[in-house]
Amino acid sequence: TWNDEMQRFKEDELADSGAMLLGRTTYEIFAGSWPKETGDFAERFNALPKYVASTSLKALDWKPAELLKGALPDAVRELKQGSGGNIYVHGSLSVAQELLRHGLVDRVRLLSYPGAVGQGKPLFPPGEQVSLELISATPFSNGVVALEYAPVMGKA
C-alpha cells in the first residue's frame, strides 16, 4: 500500500533527477498518462528532459523529449558527460540491462515489497553476475524497503 514514506522517497528521487531515460514502451505508457496529472510532483515530472531509446518511434509528443541516436551505450556516455544532474531510468528493463552490461549505471534504487508473485522479468541481465554494494536500506512502516546499491565494476 502506497504511503507517505514512499511518496517522500519518490519526491526525493525526483528532486535528484536532472533527466529521465526511457525505452519506447515506458515512454508511450508515461506519455499517455503523466501529461494529464496535476500537482507539484506531476509538474516537475512532466518538465524533466526525457531521453528516449527507440529505433521505431519517430515523433515524441510528451515534451521536453529527445530520441537518442546511435548505440545506446555511446549515447548515454555522451549524456553523462554533459548532464546537468542524475539521469534516472524508469521502467525500461531492456535499457537498464544494457546500461548495466556496459558499466553505465552508478546506482540501482529499488522498492522491495513484502510479497512475491512468482513470475516476471529479471531486472539484471540473464546469465550475467552483477556485483552490488549496499548503500542504504530504508524500511517503511508498510513493509516496503527502499534499497540503494552501487554496482561494483570488475568484480563478479
N, C-alpha and C. Protein backbone atom coordinates (compact mmCIF):
# COMPACT_ATOMS: atom_id res chain seq x y z
N THR A 1 0.84 -1.18 0.00
CA THR A 1 0.00 0.00 0.00
C THR A 1 0.89 1.25 0.00
N TRP A 2 0.60 2.15 -0.92
CA TRP A 2 1.35 3.40 -1.03
C TRP A 2 1.14 4.21 0.24
N ASN A 3 2.21 4.83 0.76
CA ASN A 3 2.06 5.65 1.96
C ASN A 3 2.94 6.91 1.85
N ASP A 4 2.89 7.73 2.90
CA ASP A 4 3.63 8.99 2.88
C ASP A 4 5.14 8.79 2.78
N GLU A 5 5.67 7.73 3.40
CA GLU A 5 7.11 7.46 3.32
C GLU A 5 7.53 7.17 1.88
N MET A 6 6.73 6.40 1.18
CA MET A 6 7.03 6.08 -0.22
C MET A 6 6.92 7.33 -1.08
N GLN A 7 5.93 8.16 -0.78
CA GLN A 7 5.76 9.42 -1.51
C GLN A 7 6.99 10.30 -1.33
N ARG A 8 7.49 10.41 -0.10
CA ARG A 8 8.69 11.21 0.16
C ARG A 8 9.90 10.63 -0.57
N PHE A 9 10.01 9.30 -0.59
CA PHE A 9 11.11 8.64 -1.31
C PHE A 9 11.08 9.04 -2.78
N LYS A 10 9.91 8.97 -3.40
CA LYS A 10 9.78 9.32 -4.82
C LYS A 10 10.00 10.82 -5.04
N GLU A 11 9.56 11.66 -4.11
CA GLU A 11 9.79 13.10 -4.23
C GLU A 11 11.28 13.42 -4.14
N ASP A 12 11.99 12.75 -3.22
CA ASP A 12 13.44 12.95 -3.10
C ASP A 12 14.14 12.49 -4.37
N GLU A 13 13.71 11.36 -4.91
CA GLU A 13 14.28 10.84 -6.15
C GLU A 13 14.07 11.85 -7.29
N LEU A 14 12.87 12.39 -7.37
CA LEU A 14 12.56 13.37 -8.42
C LEU A 14 13.40 14.64 -8.25
N ALA A 15 13.57 15.09 -7.00
CA ALA A 15 14.36 16.29 -6.75
C ALA A 15 15.82 16.09 -7.16
N ASP A 16 16.28 14.84 -7.15
CA ASP A 16 17.66 14.50 -7.50
C ASP A 16 17.83 14.27 -9.00
N SER A 17 16.72 14.26 -9.73
CA SER A 17 16.75 13.94 -11.16
C SER A 17 17.05 15.17 -12.01
N GLY A 18 17.97 14.99 -12.96
CA GLY A 18 18.21 16.02 -13.95
C GLY A 18 17.54 15.69 -15.27
N ALA A 19 17.23 14.40 -15.46
CA ALA A 19 16.59 13.93 -16.70
C ALA A 19 16.12 12.50 -16.50
N MET A 20 15.29 12.05 -17.43
CA MET A 20 14.81 10.67 -17.46
C MET A 20 15.32 9.99 -18.72
N LEU A 21 15.61 8.72 -18.61
CA LEU A 21 15.96 7.89 -19.76
C LEU A 21 14.94 6.78 -19.82
N LEU A 22 14.25 6.69 -20.95
CA LEU A 22 13.15 5.74 -21.09
C LEU A 22 13.28 4.95 -22.37
N GLY A 23 12.81 3.71 -22.33
CA GLY A 23 12.65 2.94 -23.54
C GLY A 23 11.32 3.30 -24.19
N ARG A 24 11.07 2.77 -25.37
CA ARG A 24 9.86 3.11 -26.12
C ARG A 24 8.59 2.79 -25.35
N THR A 25 8.49 1.58 -24.82
CA THR A 25 7.25 1.16 -24.15
C THR A 25 6.95 2.04 -22.95
N THR A 26 7.94 2.26 -22.09
CA THR A 26 7.72 3.10 -20.91
C THR A 26 7.39 4.53 -21.32
N TYR A 27 8.08 5.05 -22.34
CA TYR A 27 7.77 6.40 -22.81
C TYR A 27 6.31 6.48 -23.25
N GLU A 28 5.85 5.52 -24.03
CA GLU A 28 4.47 5.56 -24.52
C GLU A 28 3.46 5.45 -23.37
N ILE A 29 3.75 4.61 -22.39
CA ILE A 29 2.84 4.49 -21.23
C ILE A 29 2.81 5.80 -20.46
N PHE A 30 3.98 6.35 -20.15
CA PHE A 30 4.05 7.60 -19.39
C PHE A 30 3.43 8.75 -20.18
N ALA A 31 3.72 8.83 -21.47
CA ALA A 31 3.18 9.92 -22.31
C ALA A 31 1.67 9.87 -22.39
N GLY A 32 1.10 8.67 -22.22
CA GLY A 32 -0.35 8.53 -22.26
C GLY A 32 -1.04 8.90 -20.96
N SER A 33 -0.27 9.04 -19.86
CA SER A 33 -0.92 9.32 -18.59
C SER A 33 -0.37 10.55 -17.85
N TRP A 34 0.95 10.74 -17.81
CA TRP A 34 1.51 11.81 -16.99
C TRP A 34 1.09 13.22 -17.41
N PRO A 35 0.94 13.53 -18.69
CA PRO A 35 0.53 14.90 -19.04
C PRO A 35 -0.83 15.30 -18.46
N LYS A 36 -1.66 14.32 -18.10
CA LYS A 36 -2.99 14.60 -17.54
C LYS A 36 -2.95 14.80 -16.03
N GLU A 37 -1.83 14.43 -15.40
CA GLU A 37 -1.72 14.53 -13.94
C GLU A 37 -1.48 15.98 -13.53
N THR A 38 -1.90 16.30 -12.31
CA THR A 38 -1.72 17.66 -11.79
C THR A 38 -0.99 17.60 -10.45
N GLY A 39 -0.59 18.74 -9.96
CA GLY A 39 0.11 18.83 -8.68
C GLY A 39 1.59 19.08 -8.89
N ASP A 40 2.27 19.41 -7.79
CA ASP A 40 3.69 19.76 -7.85
C ASP A 40 4.55 18.62 -8.40
N PHE A 41 4.30 17.39 -7.91
CA PHE A 41 5.09 16.25 -8.37
C PHE A 41 4.93 16.06 -9.87
N ALA A 42 3.69 16.08 -10.34
CA ALA A 42 3.42 15.88 -11.77
C ALA A 42 4.03 16.99 -12.61
N GLU A 43 3.96 18.22 -12.14
CA GLU A 43 4.54 19.34 -12.89
C GLU A 43 6.04 19.16 -13.06
N ARG A 44 6.73 18.78 -11.98
CA ARG A 44 8.18 18.58 -12.04
C ARG A 44 8.51 17.37 -12.92
N PHE A 45 7.76 16.28 -12.75
CA PHE A 45 7.99 15.06 -13.53
C PHE A 45 7.80 15.34 -15.02
N ASN A 46 6.73 16.02 -15.36
CA ASN A 46 6.45 16.34 -16.77
C ASN A 46 7.49 17.29 -17.36
N ALA A 47 8.06 18.17 -16.54
CA ALA A 47 9.02 19.16 -17.04
C ALA A 47 10.43 18.60 -17.23
N LEU A 48 10.72 17.44 -16.65
CA LEU A 48 12.07 16.86 -16.79
C LEU A 48 12.38 16.55 -18.24
N PRO A 49 13.62 16.79 -18.67
CA PRO A 49 14.02 16.34 -20.00
C PRO A 49 13.92 14.82 -20.07
N LYS A 50 13.43 14.33 -21.20
CA LYS A 50 13.26 12.89 -21.41
C LYS A 50 14.10 12.47 -22.60
N TYR A 51 14.95 11.47 -22.39
CA TYR A 51 15.73 10.89 -23.47
C TYR A 51 15.14 9.52 -23.73
N VAL A 52 14.84 9.24 -24.99
CA VAL A 52 14.12 8.02 -25.34
C VAL A 52 14.98 7.14 -26.24
N ALA A 53 15.16 5.90 -25.80
CA ALA A 53 15.90 4.90 -26.57
C ALA A 53 14.90 4.10 -27.39
N SER A 54 14.85 4.37 -28.69
CA SER A 54 13.91 3.67 -29.56
C SER A 54 14.39 3.76 -31.00
N THR A 55 14.23 2.66 -31.72
CA THR A 55 14.53 2.69 -33.15
C THR A 55 13.25 2.80 -33.96
N SER A 56 12.09 2.65 -33.30
CA SER A 56 10.83 2.67 -34.05
C SER A 56 10.04 3.97 -33.90
N LEU A 57 10.20 4.67 -32.78
CA LEU A 57 9.49 5.95 -32.62
C LEU A 57 10.09 7.00 -33.53
N LYS A 58 9.24 7.80 -34.12
CA LYS A 58 9.71 8.88 -35.00
C LYS A 58 9.41 10.26 -34.42
N ALA A 59 8.35 10.34 -33.61
CA ALA A 59 7.95 11.62 -33.03
C ALA A 59 7.67 11.43 -31.55
N LEU A 60 7.99 12.45 -30.77
CA LEU A 60 7.77 12.42 -29.33
C LEU A 60 6.86 13.58 -28.96
N ASP A 61 5.68 13.25 -28.45
CA ASP A 61 4.70 14.28 -28.12
C ASP A 61 4.83 14.80 -26.69
N TRP A 62 5.35 13.99 -25.80
CA TRP A 62 5.49 14.39 -24.39
C TRP A 62 6.83 15.10 -24.24
N LYS A 63 6.80 16.40 -24.20
CA LYS A 63 8.00 17.24 -24.21
C LYS A 63 8.37 17.68 -22.79
N PRO A 64 9.60 18.08 -22.55
CA PRO A 64 10.71 18.06 -23.49
C PRO A 64 11.25 16.64 -23.65
N ALA A 65 11.50 16.25 -24.89
CA ALA A 65 11.97 14.89 -25.16
C ALA A 65 12.86 14.87 -26.39
N GLU A 66 13.78 13.90 -26.38
CA GLU A 66 14.71 13.75 -27.49
C GLU A 66 14.95 12.27 -27.72
N LEU A 67 14.90 11.87 -28.99
CA LEU A 67 15.24 10.50 -29.36
C LEU A 67 16.76 10.36 -29.37
N LEU A 68 17.26 9.33 -28.72
CA LEU A 68 18.70 9.08 -28.74
C LEU A 68 19.10 8.49 -30.08
N LYS A 69 20.25 8.89 -30.56
CA LYS A 69 20.74 8.40 -31.85
C LYS A 69 21.94 7.50 -31.62
N GLY A 70 22.09 6.49 -32.48
CA GLY A 70 23.24 5.61 -32.39
C GLY A 70 23.08 4.56 -31.31
N ALA A 71 24.19 3.92 -30.98
CA ALA A 71 24.19 2.86 -29.98
C ALA A 71 23.88 3.45 -28.60
N LEU A 72 23.02 2.78 -27.85
CA LEU A 72 22.61 3.27 -26.53
C LEU A 72 23.79 3.56 -25.61
N PRO A 73 24.76 2.64 -25.46
CA PRO A 73 25.87 2.95 -24.55
C PRO A 73 26.62 4.22 -24.93
N ASP A 74 26.85 4.43 -26.21
CA ASP A 74 27.55 5.64 -26.66
C ASP A 74 26.73 6.89 -26.37
N ALA A 75 25.43 6.82 -26.63
CA ALA A 75 24.55 7.97 -26.39
C ALA A 75 24.51 8.31 -24.90
N VAL A 76 24.47 7.30 -24.05
CA VAL A 76 24.41 7.54 -22.61
C VAL A 76 25.75 8.08 -22.09
N ARG A 77 26.85 7.58 -22.60
CA ARG A 77 28.15 8.14 -22.20
C ARG A 77 28.19 9.64 -22.50
N GLU A 78 27.70 10.02 -23.66
CA GLU A 78 27.67 11.43 -24.05
C GLU A 78 26.74 12.23 -23.13
N LEU A 79 25.57 11.67 -22.81
CA LEU A 79 24.64 12.35 -21.91
C LEU A 79 25.26 12.56 -20.53
N LYS A 80 25.92 11.53 -20.03
CA LYS A 80 26.52 11.63 -18.69
C LYS A 80 27.60 12.70 -18.64
N GLN A 81 28.33 12.89 -19.73
CA GLN A 81 29.38 13.91 -19.76
C GLN A 81 28.81 15.32 -19.74
N GLY A 82 27.65 15.50 -20.36
CA GLY A 82 27.08 16.83 -20.45
C GLY A 82 25.88 17.06 -19.56
N SER A 83 25.53 16.07 -18.75
CA SER A 83 24.32 16.14 -17.95
C SER A 83 24.40 17.20 -16.86
N GLY A 84 23.25 17.80 -16.60
CA GLY A 84 23.14 18.76 -15.52
C GLY A 84 22.66 18.11 -14.24
N GLY A 85 22.71 16.81 -14.14
CA GLY A 85 22.25 16.12 -12.94
C GLY A 85 22.13 14.64 -13.21
N ASN A 86 21.58 13.93 -12.25
CA ASN A 86 21.41 12.49 -12.39
C ASN A 86 20.36 12.16 -13.44
N ILE A 87 20.62 11.10 -14.16
CA ILE A 87 19.69 10.62 -15.19
C ILE A 87 19.06 9.34 -14.66
N TYR A 88 17.76 9.34 -14.50
CA TYR A 88 17.05 8.18 -13.95
C TYR A 88 16.41 7.37 -15.05
N VAL A 89 16.55 6.06 -14.95
CA VAL A 89 15.83 5.13 -15.83
C VAL A 89 14.61 4.68 -15.05
N HIS A 90 13.44 4.88 -15.62
CA HIS A 90 12.19 4.43 -15.01
C HIS A 90 11.63 3.31 -15.85
N GLY A 91 11.31 2.16 -15.22
CA GLY A 91 10.83 1.03 -16.02
C GLY A 91 11.92 0.64 -17.00
N SER A 92 11.57 0.46 -18.23
CA SER A 92 12.55 0.30 -19.31
C SER A 92 13.62 -0.73 -18.99
N LEU A 93 13.17 -1.95 -18.73
CA LEU A 93 14.05 -3.04 -18.31
C LEU A 93 15.19 -3.30 -19.28
N SER A 94 14.90 -3.34 -20.57
CA SER A 94 15.96 -3.64 -21.54
C SER A 94 17.01 -2.53 -21.55
N VAL A 95 16.59 -1.29 -21.34
CA VAL A 95 17.53 -0.17 -21.26
C VAL A 95 18.42 -0.34 -20.03
N ALA A 96 17.82 -0.62 -18.89
CA ALA A 96 18.58 -0.80 -17.65
C ALA A 96 19.58 -1.94 -17.78
N GLN A 97 19.15 -3.05 -18.37
CA GLN A 97 20.05 -4.20 -18.53
C GLN A 97 21.24 -3.86 -19.42
N GLU A 98 20.98 -3.16 -20.52
CA GLU A 98 22.08 -2.81 -21.42
C GLU A 98 23.07 -1.85 -20.74
N LEU A 99 22.54 -0.91 -19.98
CA LEU A 99 23.43 0.03 -19.28
C LEU A 99 24.25 -0.69 -18.21
N LEU A 100 23.65 -1.65 -17.52
CA LEU A 100 24.40 -2.45 -16.54
C LEU A 100 25.52 -3.22 -17.23
N ARG A 101 25.20 -3.83 -18.37
CA ARG A 101 26.20 -4.61 -19.12
C ARG A 101 27.42 -3.77 -19.49
N HIS A 102 27.19 -2.49 -19.74
CA HIS A 102 28.27 -1.61 -20.21
C HIS A 102 28.87 -0.74 -19.09
N GLY A 103 28.51 -1.04 -17.85
CA GLY A 103 29.09 -0.30 -16.72
C GLY A 103 28.67 1.15 -16.65
N LEU A 104 27.46 1.45 -17.11
CA LEU A 104 27.00 2.84 -17.16
C LEU A 104 25.97 3.17 -16.08
N VAL A 105 25.81 2.28 -15.11
CA VAL A 105 24.87 2.52 -14.01
C VAL A 105 25.66 2.87 -12.76
N ASP A 106 25.35 4.01 -12.17
CA ASP A 106 26.03 4.45 -10.96
C ASP A 106 25.31 3.96 -9.71
N ARG A 107 23.98 3.90 -9.77
CA ARG A 107 23.17 3.47 -8.63
C ARG A 107 21.98 2.66 -9.12
N VAL A 108 21.58 1.69 -8.30
CA VAL A 108 20.35 0.93 -8.53
C VAL A 108 19.47 1.20 -7.32
N ARG A 109 18.31 1.80 -7.56
CA ARG A 109 17.37 2.10 -6.47
C ARG A 109 16.12 1.27 -6.69
N LEU A 110 15.75 0.51 -5.67
CA LEU A 110 14.62 -0.41 -5.77
C LEU A 110 13.69 -0.24 -4.58
N LEU A 111 12.42 -0.49 -4.82
CA LEU A 111 11.46 -0.64 -3.73
C LEU A 111 11.11 -2.12 -3.68
N SER A 112 11.40 -2.75 -2.54
CA SER A 112 11.13 -4.18 -2.37
C SER A 112 9.86 -4.33 -1.53
N TYR A 113 8.87 -5.01 -2.11
CA TYR A 113 7.57 -5.16 -1.47
C TYR A 113 7.49 -6.49 -0.72
N PRO A 114 6.75 -6.54 0.38
CA PRO A 114 6.66 -7.76 1.19
C PRO A 114 5.68 -8.77 0.59
N GLY A 115 6.10 -9.38 -0.49
CA GLY A 115 5.28 -10.39 -1.16
C GLY A 115 5.95 -10.78 -2.45
N ALA A 116 5.51 -11.87 -3.02
CA ALA A 116 6.09 -12.34 -4.28
C ALA A 116 4.99 -12.90 -5.15
N VAL A 117 5.11 -12.69 -6.45
CA VAL A 117 4.12 -13.22 -7.39
C VAL A 117 4.64 -14.46 -8.12
N GLY A 118 5.93 -14.75 -7.99
CA GLY A 118 6.47 -15.96 -8.59
C GLY A 118 6.65 -15.91 -10.09
N GLN A 119 6.62 -14.73 -10.66
CA GLN A 119 6.83 -14.59 -12.10
C GLN A 119 7.31 -13.18 -12.40
N GLY A 120 7.67 -12.96 -13.62
CA GLY A 120 8.11 -11.63 -14.01
C GLY A 120 9.43 -11.69 -14.74
N LYS A 121 9.86 -10.52 -15.18
CA LYS A 121 11.12 -10.42 -15.91
C LYS A 121 12.25 -10.09 -14.94
N PRO A 122 13.42 -10.69 -15.15
CA PRO A 122 14.54 -10.39 -14.26
C PRO A 122 15.07 -8.97 -14.48
N LEU A 123 15.42 -8.31 -13.40
CA LEU A 123 15.99 -6.97 -13.50
C LEU A 123 17.39 -7.00 -14.08
N PHE A 124 18.18 -7.94 -13.63
CA PHE A 124 19.57 -7.99 -14.05
C PHE A 124 19.72 -8.85 -15.29
N PRO A 125 20.73 -8.55 -16.12
CA PRO A 125 20.89 -9.28 -17.38
C PRO A 125 20.99 -10.78 -17.14
N PRO A 126 20.13 -11.56 -17.79
CA PRO A 126 20.13 -13.02 -17.61
C PRO A 126 21.50 -13.61 -17.94
N GLY A 127 21.93 -14.54 -17.10
CA GLY A 127 23.19 -15.23 -17.33
C GLY A 127 24.43 -14.45 -16.95
N GLU A 128 24.25 -13.25 -16.42
CA GLU A 128 25.39 -12.42 -16.04
C GLU A 128 25.32 -12.13 -14.55
N GLN A 129 26.46 -12.18 -13.90
CA GLN A 129 26.51 -11.84 -12.48
C GLN A 129 26.77 -10.35 -12.35
N VAL A 130 26.00 -9.71 -11.50
CA VAL A 130 26.18 -8.28 -11.23
C VAL A 130 26.48 -8.14 -9.74
N SER A 131 27.66 -7.64 -9.41
CA SER A 131 28.02 -7.42 -8.01
C SER A 131 27.56 -6.04 -7.59
N LEU A 132 26.95 -5.99 -6.41
CA LEU A 132 26.40 -4.74 -5.90
C LEU A 132 26.89 -4.49 -4.48
N GLU A 133 27.10 -3.22 -4.17
CA GLU A 133 27.43 -2.82 -2.80
C GLU A 133 26.22 -2.07 -2.25
N LEU A 134 25.74 -2.50 -1.09
CA LEU A 134 24.59 -1.84 -0.47
C LEU A 134 25.00 -0.46 0.03
N ILE A 135 24.27 0.55 -0.41
CA ILE A 135 24.50 1.93 0.02
C ILE A 135 23.55 2.26 1.17
N SER A 136 22.27 1.87 1.00
CA SER A 136 21.30 2.13 2.06
C SER A 136 20.12 1.17 1.94
N ALA A 137 19.50 0.93 3.09
CA ALA A 137 18.27 0.13 3.16
C ALA A 137 17.36 0.85 4.15
N THR A 138 16.22 1.31 3.66
CA THR A 138 15.30 2.08 4.49
C THR A 138 13.95 1.39 4.54
N PRO A 139 13.61 0.79 5.68
CA PRO A 139 12.29 0.14 5.79
C PRO A 139 11.20 1.18 6.03
N PHE A 140 10.06 0.96 5.40
CA PHE A 140 8.89 1.81 5.60
C PHE A 140 7.88 1.07 6.48
N SER A 141 6.98 1.81 7.09
CA SER A 141 6.02 1.22 8.02
C SER A 141 5.06 0.22 7.37
N ASN A 142 4.92 0.26 6.05
CA ASN A 142 4.03 -0.67 5.34
C ASN A 142 4.74 -1.96 4.93
N GLY A 143 6.01 -2.13 5.33
CA GLY A 143 6.75 -3.34 5.00
C GLY A 143 7.62 -3.21 3.76
N VAL A 144 7.44 -2.16 2.99
CA VAL A 144 8.27 -1.92 1.81
C VAL A 144 9.66 -1.47 2.29
N VAL A 145 10.70 -1.87 1.57
CA VAL A 145 12.06 -1.44 1.89
C VAL A 145 12.65 -0.75 0.66
N ALA A 146 13.14 0.47 0.86
CA ALA A 146 13.84 1.19 -0.21
C ALA A 146 15.30 0.78 -0.13
N LEU A 147 15.81 0.26 -1.24
CA LEU A 147 17.19 -0.22 -1.31
C LEU A 147 17.96 0.59 -2.34
N GLU A 148 19.18 0.93 -1.99
CA GLU A 148 20.06 1.61 -2.94
C GLU A 148 21.39 0.87 -2.98
N TYR A 149 21.81 0.52 -4.19
CA TYR A 149 23.05 -0.22 -4.40
C TYR A 149 23.93 0.54 -5.39
N ALA A 150 25.23 0.30 -5.28
CA ALA A 150 26.19 0.76 -6.29
C ALA A 150 26.77 -0.47 -6.96
N PRO A 151 26.70 -0.55 -8.29
CA PRO A 151 27.36 -1.67 -8.97
C PRO A 151 28.87 -1.62 -8.70
N VAL A 152 29.46 -2.78 -8.49
CA VAL A 152 30.89 -2.89 -8.25
C VAL A 152 31.52 -3.39 -9.54
N MET A 153 32.22 -2.51 -10.23
CA MET A 153 32.79 -2.87 -11.53
C MET A 153 34.01 -3.77 -11.37
N GLY A 154 34.12 -4.71 -12.29
CA GLY A 154 35.28 -5.59 -12.32
C GLY A 154 35.28 -6.64 -11.24
N LYS A 155 34.15 -6.83 -10.57
CA LYS A 155 34.06 -7.82 -9.50
C LYS A 155 32.84 -8.67 -9.75
N ALA A 156 33.03 -9.97 -9.89
CA ALA A 156 31.89 -10.86 -10.12
C ALA A 156 31.71 -11.78 -8.96
